[in-house]
Amino acid sequence: MAIFEGIAAADPKQEGVNWDLTVAYVWTAPVTPDANRALDYYDKALAIDQRLSRVDTGTSNWQENEAEVRVNLGDFFRKHSQLDRAAENYHRAAAIVEPVLASHPDQQGPRYPLASASFGMGQIAALRAERPSQSRNEQKAKWNEANSWYQRSSDAWRQIRHPAAVSPNGFDCGNPQEAERQLTRSKAALAALGSERKF
């Protein structure tokens, strides 16, 4: 990262090294013990993507990069039990790539952050459904929400011709098998709630 940072500082508009630097920040953040430093890496990656998306307006590459960073940031906040901040980043990631897919439905790259963001939202809804303080109706509502997000994630994965563990932009991502497992789990939870006797 230090080498990339030095090159990027000398030539801030050079796309290749900034791309590599963004990916390096995002891969390093999850294995950084200091949560504040990890968050700083994500913030630096976002700053690069947002700056270069304003410079390179001819493509959606930097916007897609931002979406992937936001998915990873959402995962970070979810693992630190900051569910509202996680949801905000998942929603923003989806909002970035949905218009790209609407105008270019043949593109595969944007489907990765869409699948991952939807999966993350499903995980948030499932976590909330499992809270002991939830009433039965609240549990059902949250499991229904989780089921909807997992289905959306699964559908996005199905539209990726050859899903990989790393997205075309170089970021770690989820997988279709886990989306299907969680979809099955949410359906089972709903079935169990529906079969409970009412007294």
C-alpha atoms as a PDB file:
ATOM      1  CA  MET A   1       0.000   0.000   0.000  1.00  0.00           C
ATOM      2  CA  ALA A   2       2.855   2.376   0.785  1.00  0.00           C
ATOM      3  CA  ILE A   3       4.242   1.931  -2.741  1.00  0.00           C
ATOM      4  CA  PHE A   4       0.820   2.462  -4.321  1.00  0.00           C
ATOM      5  CA  GLU A   5       0.189   5.522  -2.155  1.00  0.00           C
ATOM      6  CA  GLY A   6       3.487   7.068  -3.239  1.00  0.00           C
ATOM      7  CA  ILE A   7       2.747   6.550  -6.941  1.00  0.00           C
ATOM      8  CA  ALA A   8      -0.840   7.791  -6.574  1.00  0.00           C
ATOM      9  CA  ALA A   9       0.330  10.903  -4.739  1.00  0.00           C
ATOM     10  CA  ALA A  10       2.678  11.702  -7.628  1.00  0.00           C
ATOM     11  CA  ASP A  11      -0.025  11.125 -10.246  1.00  0.00           C
ATOM     12  CA  PRO A  12      -3.505  11.297  -8.651  1.00  0.00           C
ATOM     13  CA  LYS A  13      -5.320  10.748 -11.956  1.00  0.00           C
ATOM     14  CA  GLN A  14      -3.518   7.549 -12.919  1.00  0.00           C
ATOM     15  CA  GLU A  15      -6.300   4.962 -12.936  1.00  0.00           C
ATOM     16  CA  GLY A  16      -4.290   1.749 -12.680  1.00  0.00           C
ATOM     17  CA  VAL A  17      -2.474   2.477  -9.440  1.00  0.00           C
ATOM     18  CA  ASN A  18      -5.570   4.044  -7.859  1.00  0.00           C
ATOM     19  CA  TRP A  19      -7.539   0.915  -8.741  1.00  0.00           C
ATOM     20  CA  ASP A  20      -4.861  -1.267  -7.150  1.00  0.00           C
ATOM     21  CA  LEU A  21      -4.760   0.989  -4.108  1.00  0.00           C
ATOM     22  CA  THR A  22      -8.530   0.798  -3.664  1.00  0.00           C
ATOM     23  CA  VAL A  23      -8.449  -2.995  -3.802  1.00  0.00           C
ATOM     24  CA  ALA A  24      -5.479  -3.103  -1.395  1.00  0.00           C
ATOM     25  CA  TYR A  25      -7.326  -0.950   1.146  1.00  0.00           C
ATOM     26  CA  VAL A  26     -10.433  -3.140   0.985  1.00  0.00           C
ATOM     27  CA  TRP A  27      -8.538  -6.430   1.268  1.00  0.00           C
ATOM     28  CA  THR A  28      -6.457  -5.113   4.183  1.00  0.00           C
ATOM     29  CA  ALA A  29      -9.315  -3.638   6.224  1.00  0.00           C
ATOM     30  CA  PRO A  30     -10.969  -6.930   7.354  1.00  0.00           C
ATOM     31  CA  VAL A  31      -7.686  -8.326   8.703  1.00  0.00           C
ATOM     32  CA  THR A  32      -6.754  -5.118  10.515  1.00  0.00           C
ATOM     33  CA  PRO A  33      -7.193  -5.601  14.295  1.00  0.00           C
ATOM     34  CA  ASP A  34      -7.809  -1.903  14.911  1.00  0.00           C
ATOM     35  CA  ALA A  35     -11.414  -1.191  13.880  1.00  0.00           C
ATOM     36  CA  ASN A  36     -10.752   2.538  13.510  1.00  0.00           C
ATOM     37  CA  ARG A  37      -7.839   1.914  11.174  1.00  0.00           C
ATOM     38  CA  ALA A  38      -9.928  -0.574   9.188  1.00  0.00           C
ATOM     39  CA  LEU A  39     -12.664   2.025   8.813  1.00  0.00           C
ATOM     40  CA  ASP A  40     -10.055   4.532   7.669  1.00  0.00           C
ATOM     41  CA  TYR A  41      -8.999   2.139   4.891  1.00  0.00           C
ATOM     42  CA  TYR A  42     -12.594   1.863   3.681  1.00  0.00           C
ATOM     43  CA  ASP A  43     -12.966   5.648   3.771  1.00  0.00           C
ATOM     44  CA  LYS A  44      -9.778   6.077   1.732  1.00  0.00           C
ATOM     45  CA  ALA A  45     -11.013   3.582  -0.854  1.00  0.00           C
ATOM     46  CA  LEU A  46     -14.353   5.401  -1.130  1.00  0.00           C
ATOM     47  CA  ALA A  47     -12.596   8.753  -1.520  1.00  0.00           C
ATOM     48  CA  ILE A  48     -10.575   7.425  -4.475  1.00  0.00           C
ATOM     49  CA  ASP A  49     -13.642   5.962  -6.187  1.00  0.00           C
ATOM     50  CA  GLN A  50     -15.731   9.088  -5.720  1.00  0.00           C
ATOM     51  CA  ARG A  51     -12.943  11.398  -6.879  1.00  0.00           C
ATOM     52  CA  LEU A  52     -12.175   9.411 -10.027  1.00  0.00           C
ATOM     53  CA  SER A  53     -15.835   8.852 -10.899  1.00  0.00           C
ATOM     54  CA  ARG A  54     -16.087  12.652 -11.196  1.00  0.00           C
ATOM     55  CA  VAL A  55     -13.010  12.729 -13.438  1.00  0.00           C
ATOM     56  CA  ASP A  56     -13.765   9.682 -15.586  1.00  0.00           C
ATOM     57  CA  THR A  57     -17.409  10.294 -16.430  1.00  0.00           C
ATOM     58  CA  GLY A  58     -17.360   8.204 -19.596  1.00  0.00           C
ATOM     59  CA  THR A  59     -17.676   4.834 -17.829  1.00  0.00           C
ATOM     60  CA  SER A  60     -19.384   3.391 -14.787  1.00  0.00           C
ATOM     61  CA  ASN A  61     -16.256   1.550 -13.600  1.00  0.00           C
ATOM     62  CA  TRP A  62     -15.487   3.795 -10.650  1.00  0.00           C
ATOM     63  CA  GLN A  63     -19.122   3.854  -9.577  1.00  0.00           C
ATOM     64  CA  GLU A  64     -19.169   0.046  -9.617  1.00  0.00           C
ATOM     65  CA  ASN A  65     -15.969   0.099  -7.596  1.00  0.00           C
ATOM     66  CA  GLU A  66     -17.665   2.339  -5.039  1.00  0.00           C
ATOM     67  CA  ALA A  67     -20.583  -0.092  -4.867  1.00  0.00           C
ATOM     68  CA  GLU A  68     -18.224  -2.952  -4.068  1.00  0.00           C
ATOM     69  CA  VAL A  69     -16.441  -0.922  -1.412  1.00  0.00           C
ATOM     70  CA  ARG A  70     -19.805  -0.053   0.138  1.00  0.00           C
ATOM     71  CA  VAL A  71     -20.778  -3.735   0.253  1.00  0.00           C
ATOM     72  CA  ASN A  72     -17.558  -4.494   2.115  1.00  0.00           C
ATOM     73  CA  LEU A  73     -18.163  -1.520   4.394  1.00  0.00           C
ATOM     74  CA  GLY A  74     -21.671  -2.824   5.038  1.00  0.00           C
ATOM     75  CA  ASP A  75     -20.181  -6.185   6.008  1.00  0.00           C
ATOM     76  CA  PHE A  76     -17.788  -4.405   8.359  1.00  0.00           C
ATOM     77  CA  PHE A  77     -20.577  -2.527  10.136  1.00  0.00           C
ATOM     78  CA  ARG A  78     -22.763  -5.657  10.292  1.00  0.00           C
ATOM     79  CA  LYS A  79     -19.971  -7.645  11.958  1.00  0.00           C
ATOM     80  CA  HIS A  80     -19.600  -4.805  14.468  1.00  0.00           C
ATOM     81  CA  SER A  81     -23.364  -4.853  15.182  1.00  0.00           C
ATOM     82  CA  GLN A  82     -23.953  -1.432  13.621  1.00  0.00           C
ATOM     83  CA  LEU A  83     -26.900  -2.641  11.590  1.00  0.00           C
ATOM     84  CA  ASP A  84     -28.311   0.727  10.543  1.00  0.00           C
ATOM     85  CA  ARG A  85     -24.959   1.847   9.132  1.00  0.00           C
ATOM     86  CA  ALA A  86     -24.559  -1.514   7.439  1.00  0.00           C
ATOM     87  CA  ALA A  87     -27.992  -1.225   5.823  1.00  0.00           C
ATOM     88  CA  GLU A  88     -27.230   2.297   4.625  1.00  0.00           C
ATOM     89  CA  ASN A  89     -24.151   1.095   2.757  1.00  0.00           C
ATOM     90  CA  TYR A  90     -25.895  -1.944   1.275  1.00  0.00           C
ATOM     91  CA  HIS A  91     -28.710   0.283   0.019  1.00  0.00           C
ATOM     92  CA  ARG A  92     -26.266   2.772  -1.463  1.00  0.00           C
ATOM     93  CA  ALA A  93     -24.373  -0.019  -3.205  1.00  0.00           C
ATOM     94  CA  ALA A  94     -27.558  -1.330  -4.792  1.00  0.00           C
ATOM     95  CA  ALA A  95     -28.640   2.195  -5.770  1.00  0.00           C
ATOM     96  CA  ILE A  96     -25.358   2.654  -7.651  1.00  0.00           C
ATOM     97  CA  VAL A  97     -25.509  -0.514  -9.742  1.00  0.00           C
ATOM     98  CA  GLU A  98     -29.244  -0.820 -10.404  1.00  0.00           C
ATOM     99  CA  PRO A  99     -29.297   2.021 -12.984  1.00  0.00           C
ATOM    100  CA  VAL A 100     -26.200   0.534 -14.649  1.00  0.00           C
ATOM    101  CA  LEU A 101     -27.926  -2.827 -15.000  1.00  0.00           C
ATOM    102  CA  ALA A 102     -31.123  -1.187 -16.208  1.00  0.00           C
ATOM    103  CA  SER A 103     -29.266   0.423 -19.105  1.00  0.00           C
ATOM    104  CA  HIS A 104     -26.755  -2.414 -19.656  1.00  0.00           C
ATOM    105  CA  PRO A 105     -28.454  -5.667 -18.605  1.00  0.00           C
ATOM    106  CA  ASP A 106     -25.732  -7.727 -20.288  1.00  0.00           C
ATOM    107  CA  GLN A 107     -23.034  -6.550 -17.871  1.00  0.00           C
ATOM    108  CA  GLN A 108     -21.893  -9.110 -15.319  1.00  0.00           C
ATOM    109  CA  GLY A 109     -19.705  -7.011 -13.003  1.00  0.00           C
ATOM    110  CA  PRO A 110     -22.474  -4.916 -11.388  1.00  0.00           C
ATOM    111  CA  ARG A 111     -24.396  -8.061 -10.482  1.00  0.00           C
ATOM    112  CA  TYR A 112     -21.758  -8.994  -7.904  1.00  0.00           C
ATOM    113  CA  PRO A 113     -22.345  -6.012  -5.592  1.00  0.00           C
ATOM    114  CA  LEU A 114     -26.104  -6.304  -6.163  1.00  0.00           C
ATOM    115  CA  ALA A 115     -26.067  -9.961  -5.090  1.00  0.00           C
ATOM    116  CA  SER A 116     -23.822  -9.210  -2.114  1.00  0.00           C
ATOM    117  CA  ALA A 117     -25.736  -6.119  -0.969  1.00  0.00           C
ATOM    118  CA  SER A 118     -29.029  -8.031  -1.122  1.00  0.00           C
ATOM    119  CA  PHE A 119     -27.492 -10.879   0.857  1.00  0.00           C
ATOM    120  CA  GLY A 120     -26.241  -8.419   3.477  1.00  0.00           C
ATOM    121  CA  MET A 121     -29.708  -6.936   3.847  1.00  0.00           C
ATOM    122  CA  GLY A 122     -31.064 -10.452   4.295  1.00  0.00           C
ATOM    123  CA  GLN A 123     -28.550 -11.074   7.069  1.00  0.00           C
ATOM    124  CA  ILE A 124     -29.596  -7.880   8.833  1.00  0.00           C
ATOM    125  CA  ALA A 125     -33.283  -8.823   8.676  1.00  0.00           C
ATOM    126  CA  ALA A 126     -32.477 -12.329   9.959  1.00  0.00           C
ATOM    127  CA  LEU A 127     -30.459 -10.937  12.867  1.00  0.00           C
ATOM    128  CA  ARG A 128     -33.365  -8.704  13.814  1.00  0.00           C
ATOM    129  CA  ALA A 129     -35.833 -11.600  13.493  1.00  0.00           C
ATOM    130  CA  GLU A 130     -33.765 -13.620  15.963  1.00  0.00           C
ATOM    131  CA  ARG A 131     -33.788 -10.990  18.689  1.00  0.00           C
ATOM    132  CA  PRO A 132     -35.419 -12.445  21.827  1.00  0.00           C
ATOM    133  CA  SER A 133     -37.496  -9.300  22.303  1.00  0.00           C
ATOM    134  CA  GLN A 134     -39.346  -9.782  19.005  1.00  0.00           C
ATOM    135  CA  SER A 135     -43.013 -10.743  19.072  1.00  0.00           C
ATOM    136  CA  ARG A 136     -44.193 -13.575  16.839  1.00  0.00           C
ATOM    137  CA  ASN A 137     -45.641 -11.134  14.307  1.00  0.00           C
ATOM    138  CA  GLU A 138     -42.443  -9.092  14.326  1.00  0.00           C
ATOM    139  CA  GLN A 139     -40.432 -12.268  13.774  1.00  0.00           C
ATOM    140  CA  LYS A 140     -42.596 -13.218  10.821  1.00  0.00           C
ATOM    141  CA  ALA A 141     -42.284  -9.760   9.305  1.00  0.00           C
ATOM    142  CA  LYS A 142     -38.485  -9.797   9.635  1.00  0.00           C
ATOM    143  CA  TRP A 143     -38.171 -13.342   8.290  1.00  0.00           C
ATOM    144  CA  ASN A 144     -40.362 -12.362   5.343  1.00  0.00           C
ATOM    145  CA  GLU A 145     -38.050  -9.422   4.736  1.00  0.00           C
ATOM    146  CA  ALA A 146     -34.983 -11.666   5.007  1.00  0.00           C
ATOM    147  CA  ASN A 147     -36.563 -14.169   2.624  1.00  0.00           C
ATOM    148  CA  SER A 148     -37.196 -11.417   0.077  1.00  0.00           C
ATOM    149  CA  TRP A 149     -33.605 -10.171   0.218  1.00  0.00           C
ATOM    150  CA  TYR A 150     -32.117 -13.666   0.026  1.00  0.00           C
ATOM    151  CA  GLN A 151     -34.311 -14.390  -2.988  1.00  0.00           C
ATOM    152  CA  ARG A 152     -33.118 -11.210  -4.626  1.00  0.00           C
ATOM    153  CA  SER A 153     -29.504 -12.179  -3.943  1.00  0.00           C
ATOM    154  CA  SER A 154     -30.058 -15.673  -5.319  1.00  0.00           C
ATOM    155  CA  ASP A 155     -31.692 -14.257  -8.456  1.00  0.00           C
ATOM    156  CA  ALA A 156     -28.742 -11.908  -9.019  1.00  0.00           C
ATOM    157  CA  TRP A 157     -26.280 -14.781  -8.660  1.00  0.00           C
ATOM    158  CA  ARG A 158     -28.227 -16.834 -11.208  1.00  0.00           C
ATOM    159  CA  GLN A 159     -27.749 -14.074 -13.756  1.00  0.00           C
ATOM    160  CA  ILE A 160     -23.952 -14.251 -13.408  1.00  0.00           C
ATOM    161  CA  ARG A 161     -22.749 -16.699 -16.025  1.00  0.00           C
ATOM    162  CA  HIS A 162     -19.683 -18.010 -14.184  1.00  0.00           C
ATOM    163  CA  PRO A 163     -19.761 -16.841 -10.530  1.00  0.00           C
ATOM    164  CA  ALA A 164     -16.333 -16.465  -8.950  1.00  0.00           C
ATOM    165  CA  ALA A 165     -15.098 -15.983  -5.394  1.00  0.00           C
ATOM    166  CA  VAL A 166     -13.541 -12.677  -6.452  1.00  0.00           C
ATOM    167  CA  SER A 167     -15.486 -10.143  -8.503  1.00  0.00           C
ATOM    168  CA  PRO A 168     -14.194  -8.865 -11.876  1.00  0.00           C
ATOM    169  CA  ASN A 169     -13.115  -5.685 -10.064  1.00  0.00           C
ATOM    170  CA  GLY A 170     -10.889  -7.700  -7.720  1.00  0.00           C
ATOM    171  CA  PHE A 171     -12.986  -7.725  -4.549  1.00  0.00           C
ATOM    172  CA  ASP A 172     -13.867 -10.630  -2.303  1.00  0.00           C
ATOM    173  CA  CYS A 173     -17.554 -11.447  -2.612  1.00  0.00           C
ATOM    174  CA  GLY A 174     -20.151 -13.943  -1.464  1.00  0.00           C
ATOM    175  CA  ASN A 175     -21.338 -17.010  -3.316  1.00  0.00           C
ATOM    176  CA  PRO A 176     -24.606 -18.366  -4.696  1.00  0.00           C
ATOM    177  CA  GLN A 177     -24.521 -21.471  -2.494  1.00  0.00           C
ATOM    178  CA  GLU A 178     -24.594 -19.416   0.710  1.00  0.00           C
ATOM    179  CA  ALA A 179     -27.431 -17.282  -0.657  1.00  0.00           C
ATOM    180  CA  GLU A 180     -29.421 -20.459  -1.331  1.00  0.00           C
ATOM    181  CA  ARG A 181     -28.635 -21.857   2.136  1.00  0.00           C
ATOM    182  CA  GLN A 182     -29.850 -18.691   3.821  1.00  0.00           C
ATOM    183  CA  LEU A 183     -32.934 -18.599   1.601  1.00  0.00           C
ATOM    184  CA  THR A 184     -33.748 -22.152   2.716  1.00  0.00           C
ATOM    185  CA  ARG A 185     -33.170 -21.152   6.355  1.00  0.00           C
ATOM    186  CA  SER A 186     -35.510 -18.168   6.123  1.00  0.00           C
ATOM    187  CA  LYS A 187     -38.223 -20.296   4.531  1.00  0.00           C
ATOM    188  CA  ALA A 188     -37.840 -22.891   7.285  1.00  0.00           C
ATOM    189  CA  ALA A 189     -38.107 -20.172   9.947  1.00  0.00           C
ATOM    190  CA  LEU A 190     -41.288 -18.858   8.356  1.00  0.00           C
ATOM    191  CA  ALA A 191     -42.725 -22.362   8.117  1.00  0.00           C
ATOM    192  CA  ALA A 192     -41.957 -22.971  11.787  1.00  0.00           C
ATOM    193  CA  LEU A 193     -43.651 -19.734  12.809  1.00  0.00           C
ATOM    194  CA  GLY A 194     -46.653 -20.571  10.659  1.00  0.00           C
ATOM    195  CA  SER A 195     -47.007 -23.997  12.248  1.00  0.00           C
ATOM    196  CA  GLU A 196     -46.965 -22.676  15.816  1.00  0.00           C
ATOM    197  CA  ARG A 197     -50.274 -23.241  17.589  1.00  0.00           C
ATOM    198  CA  LYS A 198     -52.236 -20.184  18.634  1.00  0.00           C
ATOM    199  CA  PHE A 199     -53.687 -20.188  22.139  1.00  0.00           C
END
